[in-house]
């Protein structure tokens, strides 16, 4: 059966977006201009107390970055989303998000009252705005993924932002393994060294996809993922 495109839209620079990705649908995020950062958090829509667990995601798969074949674990050991396609090659799960104070210190103050759509946005407030639309609040802001961004760790433990990690047209695809409340923003990465406030847009497309097969890359990439898929499938019995 051919995959069916359900929706397309562009999330503007510094904007927010939220949607319940239904189990079995695939979200493609495409970097339009190059250099976009897409901050993302994930919750089980039916039970939002179950949410993305960054430490378990990394230690279960023995990774410090995300790419195709990796999955996003919840704090119940189930799989929220799988990364089924990726032309970027590296997505940051440890850099966190900006807040009003860090954005003001780096880029100066530009309030909505004076600058309207040109005001400076930050990721933490953006997450809160979208969470409140779903009846959630500050305690539901979790560690986030920064899609399209990369951090490098030196021998001395210092962390630096890797410039030009993503090129125009690069994309990553997430397959929803549960009904996943997905909250995105296009604010700049908190460690982006640019002195200019210059967030970028991202193109989103949602389509239906086939169920993961027994030899699905995300399922077989490590033994832990196989168990994660089993727990997730049992949840939907």
C-alpha atoms as a PDB file:
ATOM      1  CA  UNK A   1       0.000   0.000   0.000  1.00  0.00           C
ATOM      2  CA  UNK A   2       1.475   3.389  -0.950  1.00  0.00           C
ATOM      3  CA  UNK A   3       2.180   5.838   1.834  1.00  0.00           C
ATOM      4  CA  UNK A   4      -0.439   8.587   2.080  1.00  0.00           C
ATOM      5  CA  UNK A   5       0.559  12.204   2.682  1.00  0.00           C
ATOM      6  CA  UNK A   6      -1.698  13.672   5.353  1.00  0.00           C
ATOM      7  CA  UNK A   7      -0.369  17.165   6.029  1.00  0.00           C
ATOM      8  CA  UNK A   8       2.335  19.681   5.143  1.00  0.00           C
ATOM      9  CA  UNK A   9       3.233  23.026   6.661  1.00  0.00           C
ATOM     10  CA  UNK A  10       6.159  25.302   7.441  1.00  0.00           C
ATOM     11  CA  UNK A  11       7.013  26.292  11.006  1.00  0.00           C
ATOM     12  CA  UNK A  12       8.409  29.811  10.850  1.00  0.00           C
ATOM     13  CA  UNK A  13      11.658  30.952  12.542  1.00  0.00           C
ATOM     14  CA  UNK A  14      11.305  31.093  16.321  1.00  0.00           C
ATOM     15  CA  UNK A  15       7.798  29.617  16.193  1.00  0.00           C
ATOM     16  CA  UNK A  16       6.149  26.722  18.045  1.00  0.00           C
ATOM     17  CA  UNK A  17       4.155  23.700  16.905  1.00  0.00           C
ATOM     18  CA  UNK A  18       2.386  20.803  18.575  1.00  0.00           C
ATOM     19  CA  UNK A  19       0.422  17.817  17.335  1.00  0.00           C
ATOM     20  CA  UNK A  20      -0.499  14.288  18.381  1.00  0.00           C
ATOM     21  CA  UNK A  21       1.376  12.012  16.011  1.00  0.00           C
ATOM     22  CA  UNK A  22      -0.795   8.944  15.658  1.00  0.00           C
ATOM     23  CA  UNK A  23       0.786   5.529  15.996  1.00  0.00           C
ATOM     24  CA  UNK A  24       2.089   4.461  12.587  1.00  0.00           C
ATOM     25  CA  UNK A  25       2.415   7.946  11.107  1.00  0.00           C
ATOM     26  CA  UNK A  26       5.746   9.421  10.033  1.00  0.00           C
ATOM     27  CA  UNK A  27       6.829  13.010  10.549  1.00  0.00           C
ATOM     28  CA  UNK A  28       9.437  14.332   8.123  1.00  0.00           C
ATOM     29  CA  UNK A  29      11.246  17.507   9.205  1.00  0.00           C
ATOM     30  CA  UNK A  30      13.178  19.254   6.444  1.00  0.00           C
ATOM     31  CA  UNK A  31      15.771  21.983   6.893  1.00  0.00           C
ATOM     32  CA  UNK A  32      14.770  24.613   4.327  1.00  0.00           C
ATOM     33  CA  UNK A  33      17.678  27.067   4.505  1.00  0.00           C
ATOM     34  CA  UNK A  34      20.363  25.095   6.345  1.00  0.00           C
ATOM     35  CA  UNK A  35      21.363  25.545   9.967  1.00  0.00           C
ATOM     36  CA  UNK A  36      17.911  25.097  11.504  1.00  0.00           C
ATOM     37  CA  UNK A  37      17.522  23.902  15.084  1.00  0.00           C
ATOM     38  CA  UNK A  38      14.311  22.124  16.053  1.00  0.00           C
ATOM     39  CA  UNK A  39      13.826  21.615  19.783  1.00  0.00           C
ATOM     40  CA  UNK A  40      11.464  18.749  20.570  1.00  0.00           C
ATOM     41  CA  UNK A  41       9.817  17.097  23.571  1.00  0.00           C
ATOM     42  CA  UNK A  42       7.523  14.081  23.541  1.00  0.00           C
ATOM     43  CA  UNK A  43       4.729  12.697  25.777  1.00  0.00           C
ATOM     44  CA  UNK A  44       2.414   9.709  25.614  1.00  0.00           C
ATOM     45  CA  UNK A  45      -0.819  11.461  24.642  1.00  0.00           C
ATOM     46  CA  UNK A  46      -3.066   9.035  26.557  1.00  0.00           C
ATOM     47  CA  UNK A  47      -0.962   9.346  29.722  1.00  0.00           C
ATOM     48  CA  UNK A  48       1.221  12.488  29.593  1.00  0.00           C
ATOM     49  CA  UNK A  49       3.007  11.457  32.805  1.00  0.00           C
ATOM     50  CA  UNK A  50       4.886   9.070  30.489  1.00  0.00           C
ATOM     51  CA  UNK A  51       7.367  11.163  28.570  1.00  0.00           C
ATOM     52  CA  UNK A  52      10.687  11.174  26.731  1.00  0.00           C
ATOM     53  CA  UNK A  53      13.571   9.952  28.882  1.00  0.00           C
ATOM     54  CA  UNK A  54      16.877  11.262  27.598  1.00  0.00           C
ATOM     55  CA  UNK A  55      19.211   9.273  29.922  1.00  0.00           C
ATOM     56  CA  UNK A  56      17.534   5.938  29.169  1.00  0.00           C
ATOM     57  CA  UNK A  57      17.484   6.703  25.441  1.00  0.00           C
ATOM     58  CA  UNK A  58      21.250   7.215  25.433  1.00  0.00           C
ATOM     59  CA  UNK A  59      22.392   4.487  27.809  1.00  0.00           C
ATOM     60  CA  UNK A  60      20.090   1.790  26.391  1.00  0.00           C
ATOM     61  CA  UNK A  61      21.525   2.329  22.911  1.00  0.00           C
ATOM     62  CA  UNK A  62      25.087   3.237  24.015  1.00  0.00           C
ATOM     63  CA  UNK A  63      25.004   6.523  22.125  1.00  0.00           C
ATOM     64  CA  UNK A  64      25.570  10.247  22.668  1.00  0.00           C
ATOM     65  CA  UNK A  65      23.840  11.400  19.486  1.00  0.00           C
ATOM     66  CA  UNK A  66      20.748  10.427  17.499  1.00  0.00           C
ATOM     67  CA  UNK A  67      20.433   9.253  13.896  1.00  0.00           C
ATOM     68  CA  UNK A  68      18.613   6.633  11.812  1.00  0.00           C
ATOM     69  CA  UNK A  69      18.158   3.331  13.615  1.00  0.00           C
ATOM     70  CA  UNK A  70      17.848   5.005  17.009  1.00  0.00           C
ATOM     71  CA  UNK A  71      14.647   5.290  19.038  1.00  0.00           C
ATOM     72  CA  UNK A  72      13.315   7.700  21.660  1.00  0.00           C
ATOM     73  CA  UNK A  73      12.480   5.899  24.896  1.00  0.00           C
ATOM     74  CA  UNK A  74       9.873   6.904  27.431  1.00  0.00           C
ATOM     75  CA  UNK A  75      10.435   6.674  31.178  1.00  0.00           C
ATOM     76  CA  UNK A  76       8.365   3.455  31.095  1.00  0.00           C
ATOM     77  CA  UNK A  77      10.808   1.679  28.792  1.00  0.00           C
ATOM     78  CA  UNK A  78       8.504   1.973  25.798  1.00  0.00           C
ATOM     79  CA  UNK A  79       9.343   3.564  22.468  1.00  0.00           C
ATOM     80  CA  UNK A  80       7.702   6.869  21.641  1.00  0.00           C
ATOM     81  CA  UNK A  81       9.290   7.412  18.217  1.00  0.00           C
ATOM     82  CA  UNK A  82      11.823   5.761  15.932  1.00  0.00           C
ATOM     83  CA  UNK A  83      14.203   7.588  13.616  1.00  0.00           C
ATOM     84  CA  UNK A  84      13.618   5.779  10.330  1.00  0.00           C
ATOM     85  CA  UNK A  85      15.400   8.107   7.879  1.00  0.00           C
ATOM     86  CA  UNK A  86      18.081  10.735   8.386  1.00  0.00           C
ATOM     87  CA  UNK A  87      20.212  12.654   5.903  1.00  0.00           C
ATOM     88  CA  UNK A  88      21.760  14.861   8.582  1.00  0.00           C
ATOM     89  CA  UNK A  89      23.595  12.148  10.508  1.00  0.00           C
ATOM     90  CA  UNK A  90      23.762  13.767  13.947  1.00  0.00           C
ATOM     91  CA  UNK A  91      21.118  15.220  16.244  1.00  0.00           C
ATOM     92  CA  UNK A  92      21.844  16.598  19.704  1.00  0.00           C
ATOM     93  CA  UNK A  93      20.081  15.040  22.735  1.00  0.00           C
ATOM     94  CA  UNK A  94      22.132  16.723  25.492  1.00  0.00           C
ATOM     95  CA  UNK A  95      22.383  20.457  24.752  1.00  0.00           C
ATOM     96  CA  UNK A  96      19.097  21.465  26.389  1.00  0.00           C
ATOM     97  CA  UNK A  97      17.137  24.589  25.589  1.00  0.00           C
ATOM     98  CA  UNK A  98      17.488  28.334  25.775  1.00  0.00           C
ATOM     99  CA  UNK A  99      15.504  30.481  28.200  1.00  0.00           C
ATOM    100  CA  UNK A 100      14.545  34.152  28.396  1.00  0.00           C
ATOM    101  CA  UNK A 101      17.658  35.105  30.361  1.00  0.00           C
ATOM    102  CA  UNK A 102      20.158  33.398  28.054  1.00  0.00           C
ATOM    103  CA  UNK A 103      18.519  34.808  24.929  1.00  0.00           C
ATOM    104  CA  UNK A 104      18.480  38.329  26.367  1.00  0.00           C
ATOM    105  CA  UNK A 105      22.136  38.068  27.410  1.00  0.00           C
ATOM    106  CA  UNK A 106      23.230  36.782  23.998  1.00  0.00           C
ATOM    107  CA  UNK A 107      21.050  38.739  21.587  1.00  0.00           C
ATOM    108  CA  UNK A 108      19.710  41.665  23.585  1.00  0.00           C
ATOM    109  CA  UNK A 109      16.119  42.409  24.494  1.00  0.00           C
ATOM    110  CA  UNK A 110      13.433  42.572  21.800  1.00  0.00           C
ATOM    111  CA  UNK A 111       9.981  42.426  23.375  1.00  0.00           C
ATOM    112  CA  UNK A 112       6.762  41.613  21.580  1.00  0.00           C
ATOM    113  CA  UNK A 113       5.273  44.954  22.603  1.00  0.00           C
ATOM    114  CA  UNK A 114       7.782  46.817  20.432  1.00  0.00           C
ATOM    115  CA  UNK A 115       8.917  44.222  17.884  1.00  0.00           C
ATOM    116  CA  UNK A 116       5.828  42.044  17.335  1.00  0.00           C
ATOM    117  CA  UNK A 117       6.816  39.006  15.211  1.00  0.00           C
ATOM    118  CA  UNK A 118      10.428  40.163  15.286  1.00  0.00           C
ATOM    119  CA  UNK A 119      10.634  39.742  19.060  1.00  0.00           C
ATOM    120  CA  UNK A 120      13.196  37.346  20.478  1.00  0.00           C
ATOM    121  CA  UNK A 121      11.834  33.909  21.355  1.00  0.00           C
ATOM    122  CA  UNK A 122      13.358  31.272  23.609  1.00  0.00           C
ATOM    123  CA  UNK A 123      12.855  27.519  23.665  1.00  0.00           C
ATOM    124  CA  UNK A 124      11.807  27.092  27.301  1.00  0.00           C
ATOM    125  CA  UNK A 125       8.955  29.603  27.056  1.00  0.00           C
ATOM    126  CA  UNK A 126       7.987  28.146  23.679  1.00  0.00           C
ATOM    127  CA  UNK A 127       7.655  24.673  25.198  1.00  0.00           C
ATOM    128  CA  UNK A 128       5.514  26.073  28.017  1.00  0.00           C
ATOM    129  CA  UNK A 129       3.198  27.863  25.573  1.00  0.00           C
ATOM    130  CA  UNK A 130       2.479  24.661  23.678  1.00  0.00           C
ATOM    131  CA  UNK A 131       2.218  22.477  26.788  1.00  0.00           C
ATOM    132  CA  UNK A 132      -0.440  24.769  28.228  1.00  0.00           C
ATOM    133  CA  UNK A 133      -2.584  24.175  25.146  1.00  0.00           C
ATOM    134  CA  UNK A 134      -2.765  20.520  26.211  1.00  0.00           C
ATOM    135  CA  UNK A 135      -3.431  21.134  29.901  1.00  0.00           C
ATOM    136  CA  UNK A 136       0.204  20.629  30.902  1.00  0.00           C
ATOM    137  CA  UNK A 137       2.635  22.954  32.644  1.00  0.00           C
ATOM    138  CA  UNK A 138       6.173  23.652  33.886  1.00  0.00           C
ATOM    139  CA  UNK A 139       6.672  20.245  35.493  1.00  0.00           C
ATOM    140  CA  UNK A 140       6.056  18.677  32.073  1.00  0.00           C
ATOM    141  CA  UNK A 141       9.045  20.370  30.412  1.00  0.00           C
ATOM    142  CA  UNK A 142      11.498  17.516  29.947  1.00  0.00           C
ATOM    143  CA  UNK A 143      15.023  17.270  28.539  1.00  0.00           C
ATOM    144  CA  UNK A 144      14.644  17.878  24.832  1.00  0.00           C
ATOM    145  CA  UNK A 145      16.182  16.782  21.552  1.00  0.00           C
ATOM    146  CA  UNK A 146      17.725  19.429  19.308  1.00  0.00           C
ATOM    147  CA  UNK A 147      17.191  18.047  15.818  1.00  0.00           C
ATOM    148  CA  UNK A 148      19.625  19.155  13.087  1.00  0.00           C
ATOM    149  CA  UNK A 149      22.213  20.353  15.660  1.00  0.00           C
ATOM    150  CA  UNK A 150      25.454  18.735  16.783  1.00  0.00           C
ATOM    151  CA  UNK A 151      27.713  19.165  19.794  1.00  0.00           C
ATOM    152  CA  UNK A 152      31.324  18.012  19.898  1.00  0.00           C
ATOM    153  CA  UNK A 153      33.073  16.978  23.115  1.00  0.00           C
ATOM    154  CA  UNK A 154      36.829  17.565  23.365  1.00  0.00           C
ATOM    155  CA  UNK A 155      39.304  15.413  25.281  1.00  0.00           C
ATOM    156  CA  UNK A 156      39.163  17.833  28.199  1.00  0.00           C
ATOM    157  CA  UNK A 157      35.396  17.459  28.431  1.00  0.00           C
ATOM    158  CA  UNK A 158      34.533  20.846  26.941  1.00  0.00           C
ATOM    159  CA  UNK A 159      31.515  21.002  24.639  1.00  0.00           C
ATOM    160  CA  UNK A 160      31.319  23.050  21.455  1.00  0.00           C
ATOM    161  CA  UNK A 161      28.631  23.690  18.864  1.00  0.00           C
ATOM    162  CA  UNK A 162      29.376  22.168  15.458  1.00  0.00           C
ATOM    163  CA  UNK A 163      28.574  24.744  12.743  1.00  0.00           C
ATOM    164  CA  UNK A 164      26.940  23.828   9.441  1.00  0.00           C
ATOM    165  CA  UNK A 165      25.847  20.420  10.685  1.00  0.00           C
ATOM    166  CA  UNK A 166      22.717  20.554   8.538  1.00  0.00           C
ATOM    167  CA  UNK A 167      22.473  21.654   4.916  1.00  0.00           C
ATOM    168  CA  UNK A 168      19.481  22.975   2.936  1.00  0.00           C
ATOM    169  CA  UNK A 169      17.175  20.085   2.066  1.00  0.00           C
ATOM    170  CA  UNK A 170      18.460  17.762   4.792  1.00  0.00           C
ATOM    171  CA  UNK A 171      15.711  15.870   6.586  1.00  0.00           C
ATOM    172  CA  UNK A 172      14.961  13.464   9.408  1.00  0.00           C
ATOM    173  CA  UNK A 173      11.915  11.212   9.757  1.00  0.00           C
ATOM    174  CA  UNK A 174      10.277  10.114  13.000  1.00  0.00           C
ATOM    175  CA  UNK A 175       7.844   7.205  13.062  1.00  0.00           C
ATOM    176  CA  UNK A 176       5.380   7.359  15.946  1.00  0.00           C
ATOM    177  CA  UNK A 177       5.266   4.054  17.827  1.00  0.00           C
ATOM    178  CA  UNK A 178       2.622   5.410  20.229  1.00  0.00           C
ATOM    179  CA  UNK A 179       0.133   8.263  20.019  1.00  0.00           C
ATOM    180  CA  UNK A 180       2.747  10.883  20.780  1.00  0.00           C
ATOM    181  CA  UNK A 181       2.140  14.475  21.830  1.00  0.00           C
ATOM    182  CA  UNK A 182       4.968  16.149  19.936  1.00  0.00           C
ATOM    183  CA  UNK A 183       5.983  19.713  20.775  1.00  0.00           C
ATOM    184  CA  UNK A 184       8.467  21.573  18.575  1.00  0.00           C
ATOM    185  CA  UNK A 185      10.034  24.995  18.333  1.00  0.00           C
ATOM    186  CA  UNK A 186      12.509  26.527  15.921  1.00  0.00           C
ATOM    187  CA  UNK A 187      14.488  28.605  18.409  1.00  0.00           C
ATOM    188  CA  UNK A 188      18.258  28.667  18.072  1.00  0.00           C
ATOM    189  CA  UNK A 189      20.375  26.122  19.891  1.00  0.00           C
ATOM    190  CA  UNK A 190      21.488  27.440  23.304  1.00  0.00           C
ATOM    191  CA  UNK A 191      25.154  26.869  22.431  1.00  0.00           C
ATOM    192  CA  UNK A 192      24.983  28.391  18.956  1.00  0.00           C
ATOM    193  CA  UNK A 193      27.909  30.851  19.063  1.00  0.00           C
ATOM    194  CA  UNK A 194      26.394  33.262  16.538  1.00  0.00           C
ATOM    195  CA  UNK A 195      25.941  36.736  18.069  1.00  0.00           C
ATOM    196  CA  UNK A 196      22.942  37.321  15.812  1.00  0.00           C
ATOM    197  CA  UNK A 197      19.379  36.327  16.549  1.00  0.00           C
ATOM    198  CA  UNK A 198      18.604  34.373  13.391  1.00  0.00           C
ATOM    199  CA  UNK A 199      16.377  31.287  13.853  1.00  0.00           C
ATOM    200  CA  UNK A 200      15.470  29.282  10.749  1.00  0.00           C
ATOM    201  CA  UNK A 201      12.229  27.674   9.477  1.00  0.00           C
ATOM    202  CA  UNK A 202      11.511  23.960   9.150  1.00  0.00           C
ATOM    203  CA  UNK A 203       9.160  22.162   6.766  1.00  0.00           C
ATOM    204  CA  UNK A 204       6.949  19.456   8.244  1.00  0.00           C
ATOM    205  CA  UNK A 205       5.153  16.647   6.421  1.00  0.00           C
ATOM    206  CA  UNK A 206       3.091  13.848   7.973  1.00  0.00           C
ATOM    207  CA  UNK A 207       2.191  10.627   6.195  1.00  0.00           C
ATOM    208  CA  UNK A 208       1.028   7.138   7.016  1.00  0.00           C
ATOM    209  CA  UNK A 209       3.681   4.445   6.916  1.00  0.00           C
ATOM    210  CA  UNK A 210       3.918   0.663   7.199  1.00  0.00           C
ATOM    211  CA  UNK A 211       4.214  -1.029  10.574  1.00  0.00           C
ATOM    212  CA  UNK A 212       7.773  -1.921  11.603  1.00  0.00           C
ATOM    213  CA  UNK A 213       8.722  -5.357  10.319  1.00  0.00           C
ATOM    214  CA  UNK A 214      10.621  -8.006  12.247  1.00  0.00           C
ATOM    215  CA  UNK A 215      13.860  -6.847  10.605  1.00  0.00           C
ATOM    216  CA  UNK A 216      13.144  -3.117  11.000  1.00  0.00           C
ATOM    217  CA  UNK A 217      16.432  -1.224  11.462  1.00  0.00           C
ATOM    218  CA  UNK A 218      15.260   0.507  14.637  1.00  0.00           C
ATOM    219  CA  UNK A 219      14.069  -2.785  16.131  1.00  0.00           C
ATOM    220  CA  UNK A 220      17.264  -4.768  15.438  1.00  0.00           C
ATOM    221  CA  UNK A 221      19.891  -2.057  15.946  1.00  0.00           C
ATOM    222  CA  UNK A 222      20.451  -3.311  19.505  1.00  0.00           C
ATOM    223  CA  UNK A 223      18.867  -5.942  21.792  1.00  0.00           C
ATOM    224  CA  UNK A 224      17.420  -3.271  24.076  1.00  0.00           C
ATOM    225  CA  UNK A 225      15.384  -1.842  21.209  1.00  0.00           C
ATOM    226  CA  UNK A 226      13.860  -5.230  20.491  1.00  0.00           C
ATOM    227  CA  UNK A 227      12.630  -5.380  24.072  1.00  0.00           C
ATOM    228  CA  UNK A 228      11.395  -1.788  23.821  1.00  0.00           C
ATOM    229  CA  UNK A 229       9.286  -2.638  20.778  1.00  0.00           C
ATOM    230  CA  UNK A 230       7.863  -5.680  22.583  1.00  0.00           C
ATOM    231  CA  UNK A 231       6.816  -3.547  25.565  1.00  0.00           C
ATOM    232  CA  UNK A 232       5.272  -0.961  23.237  1.00  0.00           C
ATOM    233  CA  UNK A 233       3.334  -3.516  21.208  1.00  0.00           C
ATOM    234  CA  UNK A 234       2.043  -5.154  24.404  1.00  0.00           C
ATOM    235  CA  UNK A 235       0.747  -1.745  25.517  1.00  0.00           C
ATOM    236  CA  UNK A 236      -1.586  -1.681  22.493  1.00  0.00           C
ATOM    237  CA  UNK A 237      -3.015  -5.210  22.916  1.00  0.00           C
END
